[in-house]
Amino acid sequence: MAKLPNTNRAVNIILMISDGNGVGTNYASRLFAGQQEGGFGDEYVQPQEAFPNLALVKTYNVNAQTPDSAGTGTAMMAGIKTKAGIIGVNENVNRGDCSTLPGNTVASMNELMSEMGKETGIVSTARITHATPASAYAKTVDRNFEASVPEGCDTQTDIATQLIEAMRSGMIDVAMGGGMRNFHGDEGGRREDGVNLMDVAQSELGAHLATDQASFENTPLDGTPILGLFESSHMMYEADREDEPSLADMTGAAIQALQAKSGDNGYFLQVEAGRVDHANHGGNLARAVRDQKAFSDAVAIADELTDDADTLIIVTADHEHALAFNGYCGRGSDILGLCMGIDGEGVAHTGEPELGADNKPFTVAGYLNGAGSVLTEQADGSFFGTRPVLTEEAATDLDYLQQAVVPKSSETHSGEDVAAYAKGPWAHLVDGTIEQNMIFHIMNYAATAE
């Protein structure tokens, strides 16, 4: 059946980014969510997977086949491909060189939407000064300049200061995530300039400061500026979350606050599930899929609170990880557990693990590199490896690290395509295989189409 394109102007736009949730991680998360509900997993449909429009997205940076989140964030938020490690600037900037910043900055979606009279916000489970949320407001020659800049760097301020200035100008109305340490210089803080930016937000900007579940629940959703800083660094993984809101909670509150202030003018909101990426970096798939489920819950809330007639929602990832899947696994093998045999007489797996040539079981999922490597360093600097005998109980433990091949302290990103799902005005432009920076141009076109 032919799909009828929605060519209304998008009053509201929501870009939802699950950091590190490429097609492979998304597959693992689908099976996990479905198996948690008692199914085999493969048949489960995540909220974004029910969206009518789909594209594959090429994620490389200008100088990196395997991208980083600063370059990918700038692509989606400013419409240009740029180098790894830099935010809100073009490829003429040399990472870390402040002298190359002038004349090479680019406008973000938040800036453009604010100039159109719309309200804007950012929500993340990472530090709110981390690469992806910072792409909403920051111009920096290095993504690591979160709380300070090097001596002699007089062309830019640190990222946390840039956020407060964006709120001061009215460009950003809602900012919620982690990263409190970058806003003060007291015990545990990273600032060296003596400025407490949280005090500035409250006393000078009239912002509501939320730092825990109680202060989040007391957040006024009447258009008052909101600054939520729930952890010193990143927010907790969903599996460990205590005394802080979920991503779905923050998403719902942000939408309501922006709606209250914007009226008929509309709003732009970026939502990031930052810790899917971090769990993958740790080789800990159990936490990655739980954070992705929390992200899918946020997608469902965003969809529920908005109208397809006037709101464009794009759900995507910035990059994938070096995650891979073994076979041949029978139906219903726990995505976090052992690969069980295929039953030729039935549907569900046999309950007997498949074995490698070393006569040992293996998990459904593993990483090509990372902390779970089967190779360990010897006293002489050489590496030796043999796979341990693995049980289902050990493999499905929350803290288990999937077996990996190449030893690395932190598992890496990978360069393959990610998916983008879309619904609402001009969502039909999310189609085929596209460059990542096209996401910006689709959003901008949807907001300005006659």
Protein backbone atom coordinates (compact mmCIF):
# COMPACT_ATOMS: atom_id res chain seq x y z
CA MET A 1 0.00 0.00 0.00
CA ALA A 2 1.38 3.38 -0.96
CA LYS A 3 2.30 5.74 1.86
CA LEU A 4 0.85 9.23 1.72
CA PRO A 5 3.59 11.79 2.47
CA ASN A 6 2.91 14.38 5.14
CA THR A 7 3.94 17.73 3.64
CA ASN A 8 2.78 19.93 6.49
CA ARG A 9 5.32 22.29 7.97
CA ALA A 10 6.83 20.73 11.10
CA VAL A 11 5.89 22.90 14.05
CA ASN A 12 7.89 20.69 16.40
CA ILE A 13 10.96 18.53 15.74
CA ILE A 14 12.42 15.89 18.04
CA LEU A 15 15.75 14.24 17.20
CA MET A 16 16.36 11.16 19.33
CA ILE A 17 19.87 9.69 19.26
CA SER A 18 20.83 6.44 20.93
CA ASP A 19 24.59 6.82 21.10
CA GLY A 20 26.28 3.68 19.80
CA ASN A 21 23.04 1.93 18.85
CA GLY A 22 23.85 0.79 15.34
CA VAL A 23 21.96 -1.94 13.52
CA GLY A 24 23.74 -4.68 15.50
CA THR A 25 23.18 -3.16 18.94
CA ASN A 26 19.60 -2.43 17.93
CA TYR A 27 19.14 -6.12 17.02
CA ALA A 28 20.47 -7.19 20.42
CA SER A 29 18.18 -4.71 22.15
CA ARG A 30 15.15 -5.91 20.21
CA LEU A 31 15.75 -9.50 21.28
CA PHE A 32 16.41 -8.47 24.87
CA ALA A 33 13.18 -6.46 25.13
CA GLY A 34 11.15 -9.23 23.53
CA GLN A 35 12.68 -11.94 25.68
CA GLN A 36 12.02 -9.90 28.81
CA GLU A 37 8.35 -10.05 27.87
CA GLY A 38 8.45 -13.82 27.48
CA GLY A 39 8.82 -14.09 23.71
CA PHE A 40 11.58 -15.41 21.49
CA GLY A 41 12.71 -11.82 20.94
CA ASP A 42 13.09 -11.72 17.16
CA GLU A 43 9.40 -10.96 16.64
CA TYR A 44 9.39 -8.02 19.06
CA VAL A 45 8.88 -4.51 17.65
CA GLN A 46 10.53 -1.56 19.37
CA PRO A 47 8.52 1.69 19.27
CA GLN A 48 10.78 3.33 16.67
CA GLU A 49 10.66 0.21 14.49
CA ALA A 50 6.95 0.84 13.95
CA PHE A 51 7.67 4.24 12.39
CA PRO A 52 6.72 4.27 8.69
CA ASN A 53 9.95 5.67 7.25
CA LEU A 54 13.44 4.20 7.39
CA ALA A 55 16.90 4.94 6.02
CA LEU A 56 20.43 3.68 6.44
CA VAL A 57 22.87 6.40 7.46
CA LYS A 58 26.59 6.66 6.60
CA THR A 59 28.45 7.83 9.70
CA TYR A 60 32.10 8.50 8.77
CA ASN A 61 33.84 11.73 9.76
CA VAL A 62 35.89 13.77 7.27
CA ASN A 63 39.14 12.31 8.61
CA ALA A 64 37.87 9.09 10.18
CA GLN A 65 36.45 5.94 8.62
CA THR A 66 35.29 5.02 12.12
CA PRO A 67 33.64 8.15 13.55
CA ASP A 68 33.50 9.78 16.95
CA SER A 69 30.45 11.42 18.50
CA ALA A 70 31.72 15.00 18.13
CA GLY A 71 31.93 14.68 14.36
CA THR A 72 28.68 12.74 14.06
CA GLY A 73 26.85 15.13 16.39
CA THR A 74 27.97 18.09 14.30
CA ALA A 75 26.81 16.31 11.14
CA MET A 76 23.30 15.80 12.45
CA MET A 77 23.01 19.12 14.26
CA ALA A 78 24.77 21.47 11.81
CA GLY A 79 24.47 19.80 8.42
CA ILE A 80 28.15 19.31 7.58
CA LYS A 81 30.60 16.46 7.87
CA THR A 82 33.60 17.47 9.96
CA LYS A 83 36.61 15.97 11.72
CA ALA A 84 36.60 13.67 14.72
CA GLY A 85 36.85 15.38 18.11
CA ILE A 86 35.57 18.85 17.19
CA ILE A 87 32.08 20.29 17.68
CA GLY A 88 30.12 22.98 15.85
CA VAL A 89 32.98 23.78 13.48
CA ASN A 90 33.98 22.78 9.98
CA GLU A 91 36.90 20.67 8.77
CA ASN A 92 39.23 23.67 8.49
CA VAL A 93 39.70 23.50 12.25
CA ASN A 94 42.66 21.54 13.61
CA ARG A 95 41.74 19.65 16.74
CA GLY A 96 43.11 21.37 19.84
CA ASP A 97 44.30 24.49 17.96
CA CYS A 98 42.24 27.44 19.20
CA SER A 99 43.72 29.75 16.56
CA THR A 100 41.86 27.83 13.84
CA LEU A 101 38.40 28.48 15.30
CA PRO A 102 37.57 32.01 14.00
CA GLY A 103 35.61 31.95 10.76
CA ASN A 104 35.03 28.20 10.90
CA THR A 105 31.99 27.85 13.16
CA VAL A 106 28.65 26.51 11.91
CA ALA A 107 25.09 27.10 13.12
CA SER A 108 23.26 24.34 14.96
CA MET A 109 19.61 23.30 14.72
CA ASN A 110 19.02 24.88 18.12
CA GLU A 111 20.32 28.21 16.84
CA LEU A 112 18.23 28.09 13.67
CA MET A 113 15.07 26.99 15.47
CA SER A 114 15.56 29.68 18.12
CA GLU A 115 15.92 32.32 15.40
CA MET A 116 12.60 31.08 14.02
CA GLY A 117 10.97 31.83 17.37
CA LYS A 118 10.92 28.24 18.59
CA GLU A 119 12.00 27.01 22.03
CA THR A 120 14.74 24.39 22.21
CA GLY A 121 16.07 21.83 24.65
CA ILE A 122 18.53 18.98 25.15
CA VAL A 123 18.24 15.85 27.26
CA SER A 124 20.98 13.25 27.75
CA THR A 125 22.02 10.47 30.09
CA ALA A 126 25.65 11.46 29.40
CA ARG A 127 27.27 14.63 30.69
CA ILE A 128 25.29 17.51 29.21
CA THR A 129 28.68 18.88 28.05
CA HIS A 130 29.54 15.61 26.28
CA ALA A 131 29.95 15.47 22.51
CA THR A 132 26.40 14.76 21.31
CA PRO A 133 24.44 17.17 23.56
CA ALA A 134 27.19 19.79 23.15
CA SER A 135 26.60 19.72 19.39
CA ALA A 136 23.37 21.58 20.13
CA TYR A 137 25.12 24.72 21.36
CA ALA A 138 28.94 24.53 21.49
CA LYS A 139 31.70 25.66 19.14
CA THR A 140 34.94 24.06 20.22
CA VAL A 141 38.21 22.88 18.71
CA ASP A 142 38.26 19.97 21.16
CA ARG A 143 35.38 18.02 22.65
CA ASN A 144 37.40 17.64 25.88
CA PHE A 145 37.27 21.36 26.70
CA GLU A 146 34.23 20.71 28.89
CA ALA A 147 35.22 22.73 32.00
CA SER A 148 38.25 24.74 30.85
CA VAL A 149 40.35 25.71 27.85
CA PRO A 150 44.16 25.68 27.63
CA GLU A 151 46.14 28.74 28.61
CA GLY A 152 46.33 31.16 25.69
CA CYS A 153 43.12 29.90 24.09
CA ASP A 154 41.22 33.18 23.79
CA THR A 155 38.97 32.35 20.83
CA GLN A 156 36.46 30.25 22.77
CA THR A 157 35.16 29.49 26.25
CA ASP A 158 34.69 26.04 27.76
CA ILE A 159 31.64 23.97 26.82
CA ALA A 160 29.84 24.33 30.18
CA THR A 161 30.12 28.12 29.98
CA GLN A 162 28.80 28.00 26.42
CA LEU A 163 25.72 26.13 27.64
CA ILE A 164 24.96 28.74 30.29
CA GLU A 165 25.43 31.51 27.72
CA ALA A 166 23.08 29.67 25.34
CA MET A 167 20.49 29.60 28.13
CA ARG A 168 21.14 33.26 28.91
CA SER A 169 20.47 34.22 25.29
CA GLY A 170 17.22 32.26 25.29
CA MET A 171 18.48 29.79 22.70
CA ILE A 172 18.20 26.81 25.07
CA ASP A 173 15.36 26.59 27.57
CA VAL A 174 15.79 23.04 28.90
CA ALA A 175 19.05 21.15 29.53
CA MET A 176 19.03 17.93 31.54
CA GLY A 177 21.68 15.26 31.97
CA GLY A 178 24.85 14.59 33.93
CA GLY A 179 28.10 16.52 34.20
CA MET A 180 27.69 18.63 37.35
CA ARG A 181 31.46 18.58 37.91
CA ASN A 182 31.96 20.87 34.90
CA PHE A 183 29.76 23.60 36.40
CA HIS A 184 31.57 24.22 39.70
CA GLY A 185 35.02 24.22 41.29
CA ASP A 186 34.12 22.96 44.76
CA GLU A 187 35.06 19.48 45.97
CA GLY A 188 34.66 17.08 43.05
CA GLY A 189 34.37 19.93 40.55
CA ARG A 190 36.53 20.56 37.50
CA ARG A 191 36.27 24.36 37.15
CA GLU A 192 39.38 26.40 37.88
CA ASP A 193 37.94 29.88 37.27
CA GLY A 194 36.07 30.14 40.57
CA VAL A 195 32.70 30.48 38.85
CA ASN A 196 29.76 28.36 39.97
CA LEU A 197 27.67 28.13 36.83
CA MET A 198 24.79 26.50 38.68
CA ASP A 199 24.50 29.59 40.88
CA VAL A 200 24.62 31.73 37.74
CA ALA A 201 21.79 29.72 36.18
CA GLN A 202 19.62 30.14 39.26
CA SER A 203 20.39 33.71 40.31
CA GLU A 204 20.87 35.39 36.92
CA LEU A 205 18.76 33.25 34.59
CA GLY A 206 15.97 32.28 36.96
CA ALA A 207 16.46 28.63 36.10
CA HIS A 208 15.14 25.73 38.13
CA LEU A 209 18.07 23.52 39.17
CA ALA A 210 17.29 19.81 39.51
CA THR A 211 19.93 17.51 41.00
CA ASP A 212 17.97 14.45 42.18
CA GLN A 213 14.60 12.73 41.82
CA ALA A 214 12.84 15.03 44.28
CA SER A 215 14.02 18.27 42.68
CA PHE A 216 13.23 16.80 39.26
CA GLU A 217 9.68 16.01 40.36
CA ASN A 218 9.35 19.60 41.59
CA THR A 219 10.45 21.03 38.24
CA PRO A 220 7.98 23.66 37.00
CA LEU A 221 6.79 22.82 33.50
CA ASP A 222 5.45 26.31 32.82
CA GLY A 223 8.27 27.68 30.67
CA THR A 224 10.75 28.35 33.48
CA PRO A 225 14.29 27.59 32.27
CA ILE A 226 15.42 24.15 33.48
CA LEU A 227 18.95 22.97 34.25
CA GLY A 228 19.11 19.35 35.39
CA LEU A 229 22.49 17.99 36.53
CA PHE A 230 21.95 14.61 38.15
CA GLU A 231 25.47 13.20 38.50
CA SER A 232 29.00 14.55 38.76
CA SER A 233 29.87 12.80 35.49
CA HIS A 234 27.48 10.69 33.40
CA MET A 235 24.10 9.64 34.74
CA MET A 236 23.78 6.10 36.03
CA TYR A 237 23.18 3.15 33.78
CA GLU A 238 19.49 2.25 33.74
CA ALA A 239 20.31 -1.06 35.47
CA ASP A 240 21.84 0.84 38.41
CA ARG A 241 19.66 3.97 38.47
CA GLU A 242 18.80 5.46 41.87
CA ASP A 243 17.48 8.87 42.89
CA GLU A 244 17.49 10.30 39.40
CA PRO A 245 14.93 10.39 36.59
CA SER A 246 14.81 7.97 33.69
CA LEU A 247 15.40 9.12 30.14
CA ALA A 248 11.66 8.73 29.49
CA ASP A 249 10.90 10.90 32.54
CA MET A 250 13.24 13.65 31.34
CA THR A 251 11.93 13.45 27.77
CA GLY A 252 8.33 13.79 28.90
CA ALA A 253 9.14 16.74 31.17
CA ALA A 254 11.17 18.49 28.46
CA ILE A 255 8.36 18.16 25.92
CA GLN A 256 5.78 19.51 28.36
CA ALA A 257 8.02 22.43 29.38
CA LEU A 258 8.81 23.36 25.78
CA GLN A 259 5.17 23.07 24.76
CA ALA A 260 4.13 25.35 27.63
CA LYS A 261 6.60 28.06 26.64
CA SER A 262 6.39 27.78 22.85
CA GLY A 263 2.64 27.81 22.36
CA ASP A 264 1.89 27.68 18.64
CA ASN A 265 5.47 28.54 17.62
CA GLY A 266 6.77 25.06 18.35
CA TYR A 267 10.04 23.66 19.63
CA PHE A 268 13.11 21.58 18.85
CA LEU A 269 14.37 18.89 21.23
CA GLN A 270 17.44 16.67 21.06
CA VAL A 271 17.30 13.52 23.22
CA GLU A 272 20.36 11.29 23.69
CA ALA A 273 20.75 7.89 25.32
CA GLY A 274 24.44 8.40 25.96
CA ARG A 275 25.15 5.36 28.06
CA VAL A 276 24.33 2.71 25.44
CA ASP A 277 27.66 3.80 24.01
CA HIS A 278 29.48 3.57 27.32
CA ALA A 279 28.24 0.07 28.10
CA ASN A 280 29.39 -1.07 24.66
CA HIS A 281 32.78 0.54 25.28
CA GLY A 282 32.95 -1.51 28.46
CA GLY A 283 32.12 -4.73 26.60
CA ASN A 284 29.06 -5.05 28.86
CA LEU A 285 26.14 -5.85 26.56
CA ALA A 286 23.79 -6.47 29.51
CA ARG A 287 23.82 -2.80 30.45
CA ALA A 288 23.82 -1.59 26.83
CA VAL A 289 20.53 -3.32 26.01
CA ARG A 290 18.89 -2.13 29.23
CA ASP A 291 19.81 1.47 28.42
CA GLN A 292 18.49 0.98 24.89
CA LYS A 293 15.20 -0.29 26.33
CA ALA A 294 15.07 2.90 28.43
CA PHE A 295 15.67 4.87 25.22
CA SER A 296 12.83 3.04 23.45
CA ASP A 297 10.58 3.93 26.38
CA ALA A 298 11.55 7.57 25.82
CA VAL A 299 10.65 7.23 22.13
CA ALA A 300 7.24 5.90 23.13
CA ILE A 301 6.69 8.88 25.47
CA ALA A 302 7.71 11.37 22.77
CA ASP A 303 5.33 9.73 20.32
CA GLU A 304 2.50 9.69 22.84
CA LEU A 305 2.86 13.38 23.75
CA THR A 306 2.97 14.65 20.16
CA ASP A 307 0.85 14.68 17.02
CA ASP A 308 2.12 13.22 13.74
CA ALA A 309 0.35 16.02 11.90
CA ASP A 310 2.74 18.71 13.15
CA THR A 311 5.69 16.95 14.82
CA LEU A 312 8.63 15.34 13.04
CA ILE A 313 10.37 12.67 15.11
CA ILE A 314 13.62 11.14 13.86
CA VAL A 315 15.15 8.28 15.83
CA THR A 316 18.71 7.29 14.98
CA ALA A 317 22.22 6.57 16.27
CA ASP A 318 25.48 8.38 15.76
CA HIS A 319 27.57 5.24 15.14
CA GLU A 320 27.83 1.52 15.84
CA HIS A 321 30.27 -0.55 17.91
CA ALA A 322 32.46 -3.56 17.16
CA LEU A 323 29.66 -5.93 18.17
CA ALA A 324 29.14 -9.21 16.31
CA PHE A 325 26.86 -12.26 16.55
CA ASN A 326 27.63 -15.96 16.50
CA GLY A 327 25.64 -18.79 14.96
CA TYR A 328 23.97 -21.10 14.45
CA CYS A 329 21.74 -20.36 17.43
CA GLY A 330 18.31 -21.86 18.01
CA ARG A 331 15.25 -19.68 18.41
CA GLY A 332 14.99 -18.05 21.82
CA SER A 333 18.67 -18.31 22.74
CA ASP A 334 19.16 -15.60 25.36
CA ILE A 335 20.74 -12.69 23.52
CA LEU A 336 23.04 -12.21 26.52
CA GLY A 337 23.69 -15.92 27.00
CA LEU A 338 24.98 -19.01 25.27
CA CYS A 339 24.23 -19.94 21.68
CA MET A 340 21.92 -22.93 21.99
CA GLY A 341 21.36 -25.55 19.30
CA ILE A 342 18.61 -25.47 16.67
CA ASP A 343 15.83 -28.02 17.22
CA GLY A 344 14.97 -29.72 13.95
CA GLU A 345 11.69 -31.02 15.34
CA GLY A 346 10.44 -27.91 17.11
CA VAL A 347 10.70 -24.13 17.33
CA ALA A 348 12.49 -23.35 20.57
CA HIS A 349 16.21 -24.10 20.90
CA THR A 350 17.39 -27.48 22.20
CA GLY A 351 18.82 -26.17 25.47
CA GLU A 352 22.20 -27.65 24.55
CA PRO A 353 24.98 -25.14 23.85
CA GLU A 354 26.71 -25.06 20.49
CA LEU A 355 30.46 -25.68 20.83
CA GLY A 356 33.47 -24.19 19.13
CA ALA A 357 36.33 -26.29 17.76
CA ASP A 358 37.83 -26.05 21.26
CA ASN A 359 34.75 -27.92 22.59
CA LYS A 360 33.64 -24.92 24.64
CA PRO A 361 30.34 -23.03 24.51
CA PHE A 362 30.16 -19.50 23.12
CA THR A 363 27.76 -16.61 23.58
CA VAL A 364 25.32 -15.32 20.98
CA ALA A 365 27.03 -11.93 20.99
CA GLY A 366 30.66 -10.87 21.31
CA TYR A 367 32.94 -7.96 20.53
CA LEU A 368 35.83 -7.79 18.08
CA ASN A 369 37.88 -5.91 20.68
CA GLY A 370 37.64 -4.76 24.26
CA ALA A 371 38.20 -5.51 27.91
CA GLY A 372 36.67 -8.98 27.59
CA SER A 373 39.44 -10.19 25.28
CA VAL A 374 40.39 -13.85 25.60
CA LEU A 375 44.01 -12.71 25.21
CA THR A 376 45.82 -11.65 28.38
CA GLU A 377 49.17 -9.95 28.69
CA GLN A 378 52.04 -11.99 30.14
CA ALA A 379 54.91 -10.71 32.29
CA ASP A 380 57.17 -10.46 29.25
CA GLY A 381 54.64 -8.32 27.34
CA SER A 382 53.44 -11.10 25.07
CA PHE A 383 49.83 -12.22 24.90
CA PHE A 384 48.40 -15.66 25.44
CA GLY A 385 44.79 -16.71 25.12
CA THR A 386 42.46 -19.57 25.71
CA ARG A 387 38.71 -19.30 26.11
CA PRO A 388 37.31 -20.17 29.53
CA VAL A 389 34.50 -22.68 29.91
CA LEU A 390 31.37 -20.55 30.15
CA THR A 391 28.01 -21.26 31.78
CA GLU A 392 24.63 -19.69 31.02
CA GLU A 393 24.51 -18.26 34.54
CA ALA A 394 27.88 -16.53 34.15
CA ALA A 395 27.12 -15.24 30.65
CA THR A 396 23.81 -13.64 31.65
CA ASP A 397 25.17 -11.93 34.77
CA LEU A 398 24.70 -8.13 34.68
CA ASP A 399 28.44 -7.54 35.05
CA TYR A 400 29.58 -10.09 32.46
CA LEU A 401 31.86 -8.80 29.72
CA GLN A 402 31.31 -10.50 26.37
CA GLN A 403 34.30 -12.35 25.00
CA ALA A 404 36.36 -10.25 22.61
CA VAL A 405 39.27 -10.92 20.28
CA VAL A 406 41.66 -7.95 20.29
CA PRO A 407 42.65 -6.77 23.78
CA LYS A 408 41.81 -3.12 24.42
CA SER A 409 40.96 -1.28 27.63
CA SER A 410 37.93 0.26 25.90
CA GLU A 411 36.03 -1.35 23.04
CA THR A 412 35.88 0.84 19.93
CA HIS A 413 33.25 2.32 17.68
CA SER A 414 32.85 0.81 14.23
CA GLY A 415 32.12 2.43 10.91
CA GLU A 416 29.10 0.62 9.49
CA ASP A 417 25.78 2.27 8.75
CA VAL A 418 23.15 2.99 11.38
CA ALA A 419 19.39 3.20 10.93
CA ALA A 420 17.13 6.25 11.06
CA TYR A 421 13.40 5.89 11.72
CA ALA A 422 11.03 8.79 11.14
CA LYS A 423 7.39 9.88 11.31
CA GLY A 424 5.58 13.17 10.89
CA PRO A 425 5.98 16.06 8.42
CA TRP A 426 8.49 15.32 5.66
CA ALA A 427 9.52 12.05 7.30
CA HIS A 428 9.34 10.43 3.87
CA LEU A 429 12.65 12.17 3.08
CA VAL A 430 14.28 9.71 5.48
CA ASP A 431 14.67 7.06 2.81
CA GLY A 432 17.32 4.95 1.12
CA THR A 433 20.97 5.30 2.13
CA ILE A 434 21.85 8.85 3.17
CA GLU A 435 24.80 10.82 4.48
CA GLN A 436 24.48 11.59 8.18
CA ASN A 437 24.45 15.35 7.66
CA MET A 438 21.27 14.95 5.59
CA ILE A 439 19.37 14.49 8.84
CA PHE A 440 19.98 18.17 9.61
CA HIS A 441 18.80 19.25 6.17
CA ILE A 442 15.65 17.13 6.41
CA MET A 443 14.80 18.68 9.77
CA ASN A 444 15.53 22.20 8.56
CA TYR A 445 13.48 21.70 5.41
CA ALA A 446 10.56 20.28 7.41
CA ALA A 447 10.58 23.35 9.68
CA THR A 448 10.64 25.84 6.82
CA ALA A 449 8.65 24.14 4.02
CA GLU A 450 5.88 26.18 2.49
